[in-house]
Amino acid sequence: MAKARVSAGACGYSAVIKVKKREGRRLSLEISSDCVMLKAMAEEIGELDWGKGVLESFATSKIYKAAEKHLKHASCPVPSAVLKTIEVEIGIALPNEVKIEIE
């Protein structure tokens, strides 16, 4: 299982993302957060096939489509973190820290 922690910024919410490989190319996704929008996004995604519409373009990614439907803030870093966590879990990326610092 791959896990990521995200501090989303000015909204004050944080999220813990857990991605676990299942059979074949299936993954389960869990997002723990007090943000109701992130909870709704995670419920819609739940389980998915990472080979179909996940790691593609912004316009076709199931992650970004769910984010567009449920999140009010386009700058939320959680959808990107979900994709990074998926990449780690399926073995196409190393678990490196990603950081945004705004001054």
C-alpha atoms as a PDB file:
ATOM      1  CA  MET A   1       0.000   0.000   0.000  1.00  0.00           C
ATOM      2  CA  ALA A   2       1.207   3.492  -0.843  1.00  0.00           C
ATOM      3  CA  LYS A   3       0.263   6.362   1.444  1.00  0.00           C
ATOM      4  CA  ALA A   4       0.532  10.151   1.149  1.00  0.00           C
ATOM      5  CA  ARG A   5      -0.226  13.000   3.525  1.00  0.00           C
ATOM      6  CA  VAL A   6      -1.304  16.340   2.087  1.00  0.00           C
ATOM      7  CA  SER A   7      -1.679  19.681   3.828  1.00  0.00           C
ATOM      8  CA  ALA A   8      -3.906  21.494   1.375  1.00  0.00           C
ATOM      9  CA  GLY A   9      -3.090  25.058   2.418  1.00  0.00           C
ATOM     10  CA  ALA A  10      -5.274  28.032   3.237  1.00  0.00           C
ATOM     11  CA  CYS A  11      -8.451  25.951   3.497  1.00  0.00           C
ATOM     12  CA  GLY A  12      -6.941  24.339   6.587  1.00  0.00           C
ATOM     13  CA  TYR A  13      -7.764  20.796   5.540  1.00  0.00           C
ATOM     14  CA  SER A  14      -5.381  17.910   5.335  1.00  0.00           C
ATOM     15  CA  ALA A  15      -5.825  14.533   3.714  1.00  0.00           C
ATOM     16  CA  VAL A  16      -4.345  11.071   3.994  1.00  0.00           C
ATOM     17  CA  ILE A  17      -4.418   9.148   0.732  1.00  0.00           C
ATOM     18  CA  LYS A  18      -4.114   5.359   0.679  1.00  0.00           C
ATOM     19  CA  VAL A  19      -3.845   3.375  -2.539  1.00  0.00           C
ATOM     20  CA  LYS A  20      -3.718  -0.416  -2.556  1.00  0.00           C
ATOM     21  CA  LYS A  21      -3.193  -2.767  -5.479  1.00  0.00           C
ATOM     22  CA  ARG A  22      -5.882  -5.368  -5.994  1.00  0.00           C
ATOM     23  CA  GLU A  23      -6.131  -8.114  -8.572  1.00  0.00           C
ATOM     24  CA  GLY A  24      -4.857  -7.254 -12.055  1.00  0.00           C
ATOM     25  CA  ARG A  25      -4.781  -3.515 -12.624  1.00  0.00           C
ATOM     26  CA  ARG A  26      -7.407  -2.778  -9.994  1.00  0.00           C
ATOM     27  CA  LEU A  27      -6.685  -0.302  -7.201  1.00  0.00           C
ATOM     28  CA  SER A  28      -8.634   0.807  -4.171  1.00  0.00           C
ATOM     29  CA  LEU A  29      -8.448   4.453  -3.145  1.00  0.00           C
ATOM     30  CA  GLU A  30      -9.186   5.901   0.261  1.00  0.00           C
ATOM     31  CA  ILE A  31      -8.975   9.578   1.207  1.00  0.00           C
ATOM     32  CA  SER A  32      -9.329  10.441   4.879  1.00  0.00           C
ATOM     33  CA  SER A  33     -10.115  14.119   5.420  1.00  0.00           C
ATOM     34  CA  ASP A  34     -12.529  16.435   7.181  1.00  0.00           C
ATOM     35  CA  CYS A  35     -13.181  18.078   3.790  1.00  0.00           C
ATOM     36  CA  VAL A  36     -16.615  16.955   2.562  1.00  0.00           C
ATOM     37  CA  MET A  37     -15.629  17.661  -1.045  1.00  0.00           C
ATOM     38  CA  LEU A  38     -12.643  15.291  -0.846  1.00  0.00           C
ATOM     39  CA  LYS A  39     -14.807  12.649   0.809  1.00  0.00           C
ATOM     40  CA  ALA A  40     -17.309  12.867  -2.050  1.00  0.00           C
ATOM     41  CA  MET A  41     -14.539  12.664  -4.634  1.00  0.00           C
ATOM     42  CA  ALA A  42     -13.069   9.573  -2.962  1.00  0.00           C
ATOM     43  CA  GLU A  43     -16.463   7.878  -2.740  1.00  0.00           C
ATOM     44  CA  GLU A  44     -17.004   8.350  -6.459  1.00  0.00           C
ATOM     45  CA  ILE A  45     -13.601   6.916  -7.355  1.00  0.00           C
ATOM     46  CA  GLY A  46     -13.387   4.091  -4.776  1.00  0.00           C
ATOM     47  CA  GLU A  47     -11.947   1.331  -6.942  1.00  0.00           C
ATOM     48  CA  LEU A  48     -10.527   1.791 -10.397  1.00  0.00           C
ATOM     49  CA  ASP A  49      -8.468   0.221 -13.155  1.00  0.00           C
ATOM     50  CA  TRP A  50      -5.249   2.244 -13.355  1.00  0.00           C
ATOM     51  CA  GLY A  51      -4.815   1.250 -17.008  1.00  0.00           C
ATOM     52  CA  LYS A  52      -8.048   2.921 -18.130  1.00  0.00           C
ATOM     53  CA  GLY A  53      -8.360   6.684 -17.938  1.00  0.00           C
ATOM     54  CA  VAL A  54      -6.296   7.291 -14.809  1.00  0.00           C
ATOM     55  CA  LEU A  55      -2.719   8.174 -15.778  1.00  0.00           C
ATOM     56  CA  GLU A  56      -3.611   9.877 -19.026  1.00  0.00           C
ATOM     57  CA  SER A  57      -4.180  13.549 -19.779  1.00  0.00           C
ATOM     58  CA  PHE A  58      -5.788  16.040 -17.400  1.00  0.00           C
ATOM     59  CA  ALA A  59      -8.907  16.072 -19.591  1.00  0.00           C
ATOM     60  CA  THR A  60      -9.420  12.298 -19.557  1.00  0.00           C
ATOM     61  CA  SER A  61      -8.130  11.320 -16.109  1.00  0.00           C
ATOM     62  CA  LYS A  62     -10.850   9.824 -13.909  1.00  0.00           C
ATOM     63  CA  ILE A  63      -9.139  11.477 -10.939  1.00  0.00           C
ATOM     64  CA  TYR A  64      -9.381  14.962 -12.419  1.00  0.00           C
ATOM     65  CA  LYS A  65     -12.915  14.340 -13.701  1.00  0.00           C
ATOM     66  CA  ALA A  66     -14.014  13.438 -10.164  1.00  0.00           C
ATOM     67  CA  ALA A  67     -12.133  16.472  -8.818  1.00  0.00           C
ATOM     68  CA  GLU A  68     -13.890  18.737 -11.316  1.00  0.00           C
ATOM     69  CA  LYS A  69     -17.251  17.365 -10.210  1.00  0.00           C
ATOM     70  CA  HIS A  70     -16.696  17.580  -6.445  1.00  0.00           C
ATOM     71  CA  LEU A  71     -14.008  20.172  -5.634  1.00  0.00           C
ATOM     72  CA  LYS A  72     -14.720  23.900  -5.663  1.00  0.00           C
ATOM     73  CA  HIS A  73     -11.050  24.892  -5.717  1.00  0.00           C
ATOM     74  CA  ALA A  74      -9.080  24.136  -8.869  1.00  0.00           C
ATOM     75  CA  SER A  75      -5.816  24.663  -6.972  1.00  0.00           C
ATOM     76  CA  CYS A  76      -6.442  21.793  -4.523  1.00  0.00           C
ATOM     77  CA  PRO A  77      -3.246  19.678  -4.482  1.00  0.00           C
ATOM     78  CA  VAL A  78      -5.009  16.442  -3.503  1.00  0.00           C
ATOM     79  CA  PRO A  79      -5.881  15.174  -7.031  1.00  0.00           C
ATOM     80  CA  SER A  80      -2.239  15.447  -8.055  1.00  0.00           C
ATOM     81  CA  ALA A  81      -1.204  13.687  -4.845  1.00  0.00           C
ATOM     82  CA  VAL A  82      -3.667  10.882  -5.615  1.00  0.00           C
ATOM     83  CA  LEU A  83      -2.019  10.349  -9.012  1.00  0.00           C
ATOM     84  CA  LYS A  84       1.470  10.429  -7.486  1.00  0.00           C
ATOM     85  CA  THR A  85       0.404   7.860  -4.891  1.00  0.00           C
ATOM     86  CA  ILE A  86      -1.061   5.614  -7.603  1.00  0.00           C
ATOM     87  CA  GLU A  87       2.228   5.810  -9.522  1.00  0.00           C
ATOM     88  CA  VAL A  88       4.149   4.707  -6.430  1.00  0.00           C
ATOM     89  CA  GLU A  89       1.769   1.842  -5.686  1.00  0.00           C
ATOM     90  CA  ILE A  90       1.962   0.415  -9.212  1.00  0.00           C
ATOM     91  CA  GLY A  91       5.748   0.783  -9.313  1.00  0.00           C
ATOM     92  CA  ILE A  92       6.273   3.455 -11.965  1.00  0.00           C
ATOM     93  CA  ALA A  93       7.500   6.151  -9.547  1.00  0.00           C
ATOM     94  CA  LEU A  94       9.599   6.278  -6.422  1.00  0.00           C
ATOM     95  CA  PRO A  95       8.118   7.555  -3.160  1.00  0.00           C
ATOM     96  CA  ASN A  96       9.708  11.006  -3.202  1.00  0.00           C
ATOM     97  CA  GLU A  97       8.462  14.080  -1.373  1.00  0.00           C
ATOM     98  CA  VAL A  98       6.586  16.662  -3.435  1.00  0.00           C
ATOM     99  CA  LYS A  99       6.500  20.163  -2.018  1.00  0.00           C
ATOM    100  CA  ILE A 100       4.926  23.504  -2.882  1.00  0.00           C
ATOM    101  CA  GLU A 101       6.199  26.489  -0.922  1.00  0.00           C
ATOM    102  CA  ILE A 102       4.482  29.817  -1.459  1.00  0.00           C
ATOM    103  CA  GLU A 103       6.067  32.984  -0.140  1.00  0.00           C
END
